[in-house]
Amino acid sequence: MRVEQQPAFVLHARPYRETSLLVECLSRDYGRIGVVARGVRNERARLQRAQLEPFQRLEFDLLLKGELATLRSAEPVGAPLRLTGDAGLAGLYLNELVVRLTGRQDPNPELFDHYERTLRRMAAGEPLGWTLRRFERDMLDALGYALQLDLGALDGEPITPSASYFYDPESGAMPGRPGDPRALRGSDLLALAADTPPDQAGLAALRRMMRQVITFHLGGGELKAWRVLR
């Protein structure tokens, strides 16, 4: 099947055979796709490796057959997004998260939009910690793992801002105790639900919570980017 002018971002690329690359991409209409870019490591190739950098929105022409697609052309759309320093590391975290939590050829335009919006926020210099928490929340929602952030898991009552909770990935917000390493305030959960940045203590608590939730959905695994960001 021919796919033309498909919006996509490169997530990861690795050498494939002598002169080619196997590229993992997030596309708008086909989800994550494994793409064989033939000959791009050859100096005389029409399509060069530099055209397949992360964080640049592209339009792909592909021949999609089976699990892998063959790249026919790739054209940049707009100016490249410059992510350097900590923002570059955060971008690589996004890419690894998408690769690890999605299956190939599972269409999810909503996730594509969340991903592009997050890259633009980071390129604009918005606070990285809060930007990543928003993406994690929105990605889980797009994948069908939405967090229940405003109601308690046991009684279904509204979260109390001053109360202490911990978040169980299978059940939701459970009563907690101050001093528990998993503890966070009800106000932190409500801030994430309302898309309102919490204070620094709240951001740290939400980071711990999201890591626990993501670890659960990875089946207990860990992301390489966590070790780097640590």
C-alpha atoms as a PDB file:
ATOM      1  CA  MET A   1       0.000   0.000   0.000  1.00  0.00           C
ATOM      2  CA  ARG A   2       1.329   3.431  -0.938  1.00  0.00           C
ATOM      3  CA  VAL A   3       1.206   6.096   1.751  1.00  0.00           C
ATOM      4  CA  GLU A   4       1.864   9.649   0.593  1.00  0.00           C
ATOM      5  CA  GLN A   5       2.636  12.868   2.468  1.00  0.00           C
ATOM      6  CA  GLN A   6       2.162  11.254   5.849  1.00  0.00           C
ATOM      7  CA  PRO A   7       3.068  13.577   8.768  1.00  0.00           C
ATOM      8  CA  ALA A   8       5.580  11.868  11.027  1.00  0.00           C
ATOM      9  CA  PHE A   9       8.432  12.314  13.489  1.00  0.00           C
ATOM     10  CA  VAL A  10      11.525  10.122  13.772  1.00  0.00           C
ATOM     11  CA  LEU A  11      11.754   8.494  17.207  1.00  0.00           C
ATOM     12  CA  HIS A  12      14.819   6.284  16.827  1.00  0.00           C
ATOM     13  CA  ALA A  13      17.121   5.006  14.085  1.00  0.00           C
ATOM     14  CA  ARG A  14      19.691   2.225  13.980  1.00  0.00           C
ATOM     15  CA  PRO A  15      21.920   0.743  11.267  1.00  0.00           C
ATOM     16  CA  TYR A  16      20.276  -1.859   9.069  1.00  0.00           C
ATOM     17  CA  ARG A  17      22.374  -4.010   6.782  1.00  0.00           C
ATOM     18  CA  GLU A  18      25.322  -2.240   5.133  1.00  0.00           C
ATOM     19  CA  THR A  19      23.974   1.127   4.008  1.00  0.00           C
ATOM     20  CA  SER A  20      20.439   1.415   5.369  1.00  0.00           C
ATOM     21  CA  LEU A  21      18.659   2.439   8.558  1.00  0.00           C
ATOM     22  CA  LEU A  22      15.717   0.962  10.439  1.00  0.00           C
ATOM     23  CA  VAL A  23      13.773   3.984  11.646  1.00  0.00           C
ATOM     24  CA  GLU A  24      11.001   4.003  14.236  1.00  0.00           C
ATOM     25  CA  CYS A  25       8.563   6.822  13.449  1.00  0.00           C
ATOM     26  CA  LEU A  26       5.423   8.225  15.014  1.00  0.00           C
ATOM     27  CA  SER A  27       2.993   8.965  12.203  1.00  0.00           C
ATOM     28  CA  ARG A  28      -0.310  10.798  12.445  1.00  0.00           C
ATOM     29  CA  ASP A  29      -2.567   8.241  10.744  1.00  0.00           C
ATOM     30  CA  TYR A  30      -0.733   4.919  11.166  1.00  0.00           C
ATOM     31  CA  GLY A  31       0.728   5.232  14.661  1.00  0.00           C
ATOM     32  CA  ARG A  32       4.251   3.961  15.240  1.00  0.00           C
ATOM     33  CA  ILE A  33       5.810   2.555  12.073  1.00  0.00           C
ATOM     34  CA  GLY A  34       9.051   0.694  11.473  1.00  0.00           C
ATOM     35  CA  VAL A  35      10.537   2.151   8.282  1.00  0.00           C
ATOM     36  CA  VAL A  36      13.467   0.836   6.242  1.00  0.00           C
ATOM     37  CA  ALA A  37      15.422   3.766   4.778  1.00  0.00           C
ATOM     38  CA  ARG A  38      17.506   2.097   2.105  1.00  0.00           C
ATOM     39  CA  GLY A  39      20.934   3.400   1.213  1.00  0.00           C
ATOM     40  CA  VAL A  40      20.839   6.533   3.399  1.00  0.00           C
ATOM     41  CA  ARG A  41      24.237   5.739   4.933  1.00  0.00           C
ATOM     42  CA  ASN A  42      25.803   5.825   1.473  1.00  0.00           C
ATOM     43  CA  GLU A  43      27.455   9.189   0.723  1.00  0.00           C
ATOM     44  CA  ARG A  44      25.941   9.239  -2.757  1.00  0.00           C
ATOM     45  CA  ALA A  45      22.405   8.517  -1.599  1.00  0.00           C
ATOM     46  CA  ARG A  46      19.653  10.842  -2.763  1.00  0.00           C
ATOM     47  CA  LEU A  47      18.109  10.798   0.720  1.00  0.00           C
ATOM     48  CA  GLN A  48      20.685  11.457   3.451  1.00  0.00           C
ATOM     49  CA  ARG A  49      20.806  10.396   7.086  1.00  0.00           C
ATOM     50  CA  ALA A  50      20.670  14.060   8.175  1.00  0.00           C
ATOM     51  CA  GLN A  51      17.148  14.329   6.762  1.00  0.00           C
ATOM     52  CA  LEU A  52      15.933  11.785   9.327  1.00  0.00           C
ATOM     53  CA  GLU A  53      16.828  13.598  12.539  1.00  0.00           C
ATOM     54  CA  PRO A  54      14.497  13.547  15.575  1.00  0.00           C
ATOM     55  CA  PHE A  55      12.294  16.533  16.473  1.00  0.00           C
ATOM     56  CA  GLN A  56      11.753  17.604  12.847  1.00  0.00           C
ATOM     57  CA  ARG A  57       8.250  17.198  11.471  1.00  0.00           C
ATOM     58  CA  LEU A  58       8.452  15.347   8.180  1.00  0.00           C
ATOM     59  CA  GLU A  59       6.140  14.201   5.428  1.00  0.00           C
ATOM     60  CA  PHE A  60       6.880  10.646   4.369  1.00  0.00           C
ATOM     61  CA  ASP A  61       6.047   8.781   1.193  1.00  0.00           C
ATOM     62  CA  LEU A  62       6.080   5.104   2.081  1.00  0.00           C
ATOM     63  CA  LEU A  63       5.408   1.692   0.668  1.00  0.00           C
ATOM     64  CA  LEU A  64       3.662  -0.076   3.534  1.00  0.00           C
ATOM     65  CA  LYS A  65       3.737  -3.852   3.360  1.00  0.00           C
ATOM     66  CA  GLY A  66       3.492  -6.112   6.387  1.00  0.00           C
ATOM     67  CA  GLU A  67       5.161  -4.977   9.603  1.00  0.00           C
ATOM     68  CA  LEU A  68       7.764  -2.716   7.960  1.00  0.00           C
ATOM     69  CA  ALA A  69       7.432   0.120   5.481  1.00  0.00           C
ATOM     70  CA  THR A  70       9.964   1.188   2.855  1.00  0.00           C
ATOM     71  CA  LEU A  71      10.808   4.884   2.715  1.00  0.00           C
ATOM     72  CA  ARG A  72      10.427   6.480  -0.703  1.00  0.00           C
ATOM     73  CA  SER A  73      10.911  10.134   0.258  1.00  0.00           C
ATOM     74  CA  ALA A  74      11.017  12.433   3.282  1.00  0.00           C
ATOM     75  CA  GLU A  75      10.422  16.174   3.211  1.00  0.00           C
ATOM     76  CA  PRO A  76      10.774  18.529   6.209  1.00  0.00           C
ATOM     77  CA  VAL A  77       7.740  20.572   7.215  1.00  0.00           C
ATOM     78  CA  GLY A  78       8.509  23.943   8.781  1.00  0.00           C
ATOM     79  CA  ALA A  79      11.623  24.909  10.682  1.00  0.00           C
ATOM     80  CA  PRO A  80      13.349  22.222  12.774  1.00  0.00           C
ATOM     81  CA  LEU A  81      12.681  22.335  16.503  1.00  0.00           C
ATOM     82  CA  ARG A  82      15.907  23.071  18.365  1.00  0.00           C
ATOM     83  CA  LEU A  83      16.102  21.017  21.542  1.00  0.00           C
ATOM     84  CA  THR A  84      19.477  21.347  23.254  1.00  0.00           C
ATOM     85  CA  GLY A  85      20.860  20.517  26.678  1.00  0.00           C
ATOM     86  CA  ASP A  86      18.239  19.277  29.125  1.00  0.00           C
ATOM     87  CA  ALA A  87      15.479  19.829  26.552  1.00  0.00           C
ATOM     88  CA  GLY A  88      17.274  17.493  24.160  1.00  0.00           C
ATOM     89  CA  LEU A  89      17.499  14.815  26.841  1.00  0.00           C
ATOM     90  CA  ALA A  90      13.817  15.308  27.638  1.00  0.00           C
ATOM     91  CA  GLY A  91      13.007  14.898  23.947  1.00  0.00           C
ATOM     92  CA  LEU A  92      14.863  11.598  23.853  1.00  0.00           C
ATOM     93  CA  TYR A  93      12.838  10.537  26.901  1.00  0.00           C
ATOM     94  CA  LEU A  94       9.616  11.296  25.018  1.00  0.00           C
ATOM     95  CA  ASN A  95      10.820   9.219  22.090  1.00  0.00           C
ATOM     96  CA  GLU A  96      11.752   6.222  24.225  1.00  0.00           C
ATOM     97  CA  LEU A  97       8.450   6.441  26.089  1.00  0.00           C
ATOM     98  CA  VAL A  98       6.474   6.365  22.829  1.00  0.00           C
ATOM     99  CA  VAL A  99       8.509   3.437  21.468  1.00  0.00           C
ATOM    100  CA  ARG A 100       8.117   1.401  24.661  1.00  0.00           C
ATOM    101  CA  LEU A 101       4.412   2.032  25.305  1.00  0.00           C
ATOM    102  CA  THR A 102       2.968   1.792  21.794  1.00  0.00           C
ATOM    103  CA  GLY A 103       2.598  -1.027  19.311  1.00  0.00           C
ATOM    104  CA  ARG A 104       3.364  -0.687  15.642  1.00  0.00           C
ATOM    105  CA  GLN A 105       0.644   0.418  13.240  1.00  0.00           C
ATOM    106  CA  ASP A 106      -1.872   1.271  15.939  1.00  0.00           C
ATOM    107  CA  PRO A 107      -3.343   4.596  14.702  1.00  0.00           C
ATOM    108  CA  ASN A 108      -3.513   7.312  17.351  1.00  0.00           C
ATOM    109  CA  PRO A 109      -3.793  10.854  15.916  1.00  0.00           C
ATOM    110  CA  GLU A 110      -4.447  12.193  19.418  1.00  0.00           C
ATOM    111  CA  LEU A 111      -1.055  10.932  20.616  1.00  0.00           C
ATOM    112  CA  PHE A 112       0.628  12.443  17.554  1.00  0.00           C
ATOM    113  CA  ASP A 113      -0.875  15.833  18.412  1.00  0.00           C
ATOM    114  CA  HIS A 114       0.188  15.560  22.081  1.00  0.00           C
ATOM    115  CA  TYR A 115       3.717  14.645  21.022  1.00  0.00           C
ATOM    116  CA  GLU A 116       4.097  17.553  18.589  1.00  0.00           C
ATOM    117  CA  ARG A 117       2.600  20.025  21.077  1.00  0.00           C
ATOM    118  CA  THR A 118       5.054  18.871  23.750  1.00  0.00           C
ATOM    119  CA  LEU A 119       8.069  19.274  21.464  1.00  0.00           C
ATOM    120  CA  ARG A 120       6.962  22.813  20.677  1.00  0.00           C
ATOM    121  CA  ARG A 121       6.529  23.621  24.362  1.00  0.00           C
ATOM    122  CA  MET A 122      10.041  22.400  25.101  1.00  0.00           C
ATOM    123  CA  ALA A 123      11.523  24.271  22.139  1.00  0.00           C
ATOM    124  CA  ALA A 124       9.811  27.439  23.428  1.00  0.00           C
ATOM    125  CA  GLY A 125      11.570  27.054  26.783  1.00  0.00           C
ATOM    126  CA  GLU A 126       8.574  26.088  28.916  1.00  0.00           C
ATOM    127  CA  PRO A 127       9.495  24.398  32.242  1.00  0.00           C
ATOM    128  CA  LEU A 128      10.602  20.866  31.436  1.00  0.00           C
ATOM    129  CA  GLY A 129       9.341  19.099  34.547  1.00  0.00           C
ATOM    130  CA  TRP A 130       5.783  20.320  34.165  1.00  0.00           C
ATOM    131  CA  THR A 131       5.843  19.840  30.384  1.00  0.00           C
ATOM    132  CA  LEU A 132       6.842  16.180  30.795  1.00  0.00           C
ATOM    133  CA  ARG A 133       4.167  15.529  33.420  1.00  0.00           C
ATOM    134  CA  ARG A 134       1.524  16.959  31.077  1.00  0.00           C
ATOM    135  CA  PHE A 135       2.709  14.736  28.237  1.00  0.00           C
ATOM    136  CA  GLU A 136       2.767  11.615  30.412  1.00  0.00           C
ATOM    137  CA  ARG A 137      -0.777  12.338  31.583  1.00  0.00           C
ATOM    138  CA  ASP A 138      -2.035  13.002  28.055  1.00  0.00           C
ATOM    139  CA  MET A 139      -0.221  10.036  26.547  1.00  0.00           C
ATOM    140  CA  LEU A 140      -1.690   7.623  29.090  1.00  0.00           C
ATOM    141  CA  ASP A 141      -5.118   9.037  28.343  1.00  0.00           C
ATOM    142  CA  ALA A 142      -4.635   8.617  24.572  1.00  0.00           C
ATOM    143  CA  LEU A 143      -3.542   5.006  25.102  1.00  0.00           C
ATOM    144  CA  GLY A 144      -6.615   4.169  27.197  1.00  0.00           C
ATOM    145  CA  TYR A 145      -4.839   4.301  30.585  1.00  0.00           C
ATOM    146  CA  ALA A 146      -6.367   7.583  31.784  1.00  0.00           C
ATOM    147  CA  LEU A 147      -5.534   8.613  35.344  1.00  0.00           C
ATOM    148  CA  GLN A 148      -8.344   9.252  37.820  1.00  0.00           C
ATOM    149  CA  LEU A 149      -7.080  12.410  39.495  1.00  0.00           C
ATOM    150  CA  ASP A 150     -10.084  14.074  41.094  1.00  0.00           C
ATOM    151  CA  LEU A 151     -11.907  11.209  42.869  1.00  0.00           C
ATOM    152  CA  GLY A 152     -10.719   8.779  45.528  1.00  0.00           C
ATOM    153  CA  ALA A 153     -10.467   5.136  44.483  1.00  0.00           C
ATOM    154  CA  LEU A 154     -12.098   3.700  47.601  1.00  0.00           C
ATOM    155  CA  ASP A 155     -15.172   5.883  48.060  1.00  0.00           C
ATOM    156  CA  GLY A 156     -15.491   7.842  44.828  1.00  0.00           C
ATOM    157  CA  GLU A 157     -15.511  11.078  46.823  1.00  0.00           C
ATOM    158  CA  PRO A 158     -13.756  14.223  45.567  1.00  0.00           C
ATOM    159  CA  ILE A 159     -10.061  14.435  46.374  1.00  0.00           C
ATOM    160  CA  THR A 160      -9.349  16.598  49.430  1.00  0.00           C
ATOM    161  CA  PRO A 161      -6.568  19.107  48.648  1.00  0.00           C
ATOM    162  CA  SER A 162      -5.017  18.954  52.135  1.00  0.00           C
ATOM    163  CA  ALA A 163      -5.174  15.158  52.449  1.00  0.00           C
ATOM    164  CA  SER A 164      -2.344  12.719  51.717  1.00  0.00           C
ATOM    165  CA  TYR A 165      -2.644  10.050  49.011  1.00  0.00           C
ATOM    166  CA  PHE A 166      -0.658   7.574  46.984  1.00  0.00           C
ATOM    167  CA  TYR A 167      -1.571   6.527  43.463  1.00  0.00           C
ATOM    168  CA  ASP A 168      -2.177   2.856  42.748  1.00  0.00           C
ATOM    169  CA  PRO A 169      -1.827   2.254  38.969  1.00  0.00           C
ATOM    170  CA  GLU A 170      -4.607  -0.319  39.001  1.00  0.00           C
ATOM    171  CA  SER A 171      -7.059   1.452  41.328  1.00  0.00           C
ATOM    172  CA  GLY A 172      -6.312   5.154  41.481  1.00  0.00           C
ATOM    173  CA  ALA A 173      -5.826   7.587  44.371  1.00  0.00           C
ATOM    174  CA  MET A 174      -5.665   5.780  47.705  1.00  0.00           C
ATOM    175  CA  PRO A 175      -5.471   7.251  51.216  1.00  0.00           C
ATOM    176  CA  GLY A 176      -1.847   7.803  52.169  1.00  0.00           C
ATOM    177  CA  ARG A 177       0.272   8.828  55.110  1.00  0.00           C
ATOM    178  CA  PRO A 178       2.700  11.729  55.298  1.00  0.00           C
ATOM    179  CA  GLY A 179       6.227  10.347  55.197  1.00  0.00           C
ATOM    180  CA  ASP A 180       5.337   7.475  52.884  1.00  0.00           C
ATOM    181  CA  PRO A 181       7.804   7.701  49.929  1.00  0.00           C
ATOM    182  CA  ARG A 182       4.819   7.334  47.586  1.00  0.00           C
ATOM    183  CA  ALA A 183       2.800  10.091  49.277  1.00  0.00           C
ATOM    184  CA  LEU A 184       1.549  13.180  47.514  1.00  0.00           C
ATOM    185  CA  ARG A 185      -0.971  15.818  48.418  1.00  0.00           C
ATOM    186  CA  GLY A 186      -4.477  15.902  47.110  1.00  0.00           C
ATOM    187  CA  SER A 187      -3.699  19.372  45.770  1.00  0.00           C
ATOM    188  CA  ASP A 188      -0.968  17.867  43.559  1.00  0.00           C
ATOM    189  CA  LEU A 189      -3.402  15.415  41.961  1.00  0.00           C
ATOM    190  CA  LEU A 190      -5.939  18.188  41.450  1.00  0.00           C
ATOM    191  CA  ALA A 191      -3.288  20.437  39.878  1.00  0.00           C
ATOM    192  CA  LEU A 192      -2.453  17.770  37.296  1.00  0.00           C
ATOM    193  CA  ALA A 193      -6.152  17.226  36.621  1.00  0.00           C
ATOM    194  CA  ALA A 194      -6.731  20.961  36.148  1.00  0.00           C
ATOM    195  CA  ASP A 195      -3.560  21.460  34.055  1.00  0.00           C
ATOM    196  CA  THR A 196      -2.279  23.959  36.630  1.00  0.00           C
ATOM    197  CA  PRO A 197       1.419  23.818  37.639  1.00  0.00           C
ATOM    198  CA  PRO A 198       1.908  22.813  41.304  1.00  0.00           C
ATOM    199  CA  ASP A 199       4.777  24.026  43.483  1.00  0.00           C
ATOM    200  CA  GLN A 200       8.209  22.375  43.380  1.00  0.00           C
ATOM    201  CA  ALA A 201       7.306  19.824  46.058  1.00  0.00           C
ATOM    202  CA  GLY A 202       4.207  18.926  44.062  1.00  0.00           C
ATOM    203  CA  LEU A 203       6.206  18.540  40.846  1.00  0.00           C
ATOM    204  CA  ALA A 204       8.630  16.190  42.583  1.00  0.00           C
ATOM    205  CA  ALA A 205       5.754  14.125  43.987  1.00  0.00           C
ATOM    206  CA  LEU A 206       4.044  13.932  40.570  1.00  0.00           C
ATOM    207  CA  ARG A 207       7.331  12.853  38.977  1.00  0.00           C
ATOM    208  CA  ARG A 208       7.580   9.947  41.420  1.00  0.00           C
ATOM    209  CA  MET A 209       3.930   9.058  40.871  1.00  0.00           C
ATOM    210  CA  MET A 210       4.201   9.082  37.083  1.00  0.00           C
ATOM    211  CA  ARG A 211       7.324   6.936  37.175  1.00  0.00           C
ATOM    212  CA  GLN A 212       5.468   4.337  39.248  1.00  0.00           C
ATOM    213  CA  VAL A 213       2.516   4.356  36.865  1.00  0.00           C
ATOM    214  CA  ILE A 214       4.711   4.089  33.763  1.00  0.00           C
ATOM    215  CA  THR A 215       6.775   1.298  35.343  1.00  0.00           C
ATOM    216  CA  PHE A 216       3.530  -0.590  35.899  1.00  0.00           C
ATOM    217  CA  HIS A 217       2.517  -0.215  32.241  1.00  0.00           C
ATOM    218  CA  LEU A 218       5.996  -1.317  31.169  1.00  0.00           C
ATOM    219  CA  GLY A 219       5.458  -4.544  33.089  1.00  0.00           C
ATOM    220  CA  GLY A 220       8.019  -3.549  35.714  1.00  0.00           C
ATOM    221  CA  GLY A 221      10.656  -2.420  33.225  1.00  0.00           C
ATOM    222  CA  GLU A 222      12.738   0.739  33.288  1.00  0.00           C
ATOM    223  CA  LEU A 223      13.514   3.337  30.644  1.00  0.00           C
ATOM    224  CA  LYS A 224      17.129   4.024  29.709  1.00  0.00           C
ATOM    225  CA  ALA A 225      16.338   7.742  29.728  1.00  0.00           C
ATOM    226  CA  TRP A 226      15.531   7.604  33.437  1.00  0.00           C
ATOM    227  CA  ARG A 227      19.129   6.640  34.201  1.00  0.00           C
ATOM    228  CA  VAL A 228      20.416   9.507  32.047  1.00  0.00           C
ATOM    229  CA  LEU A 229      18.008  12.087  33.496  1.00  0.00           C
ATOM    230  CA  ARG A 230      18.797  10.909  37.007  1.00  0.00           C
END
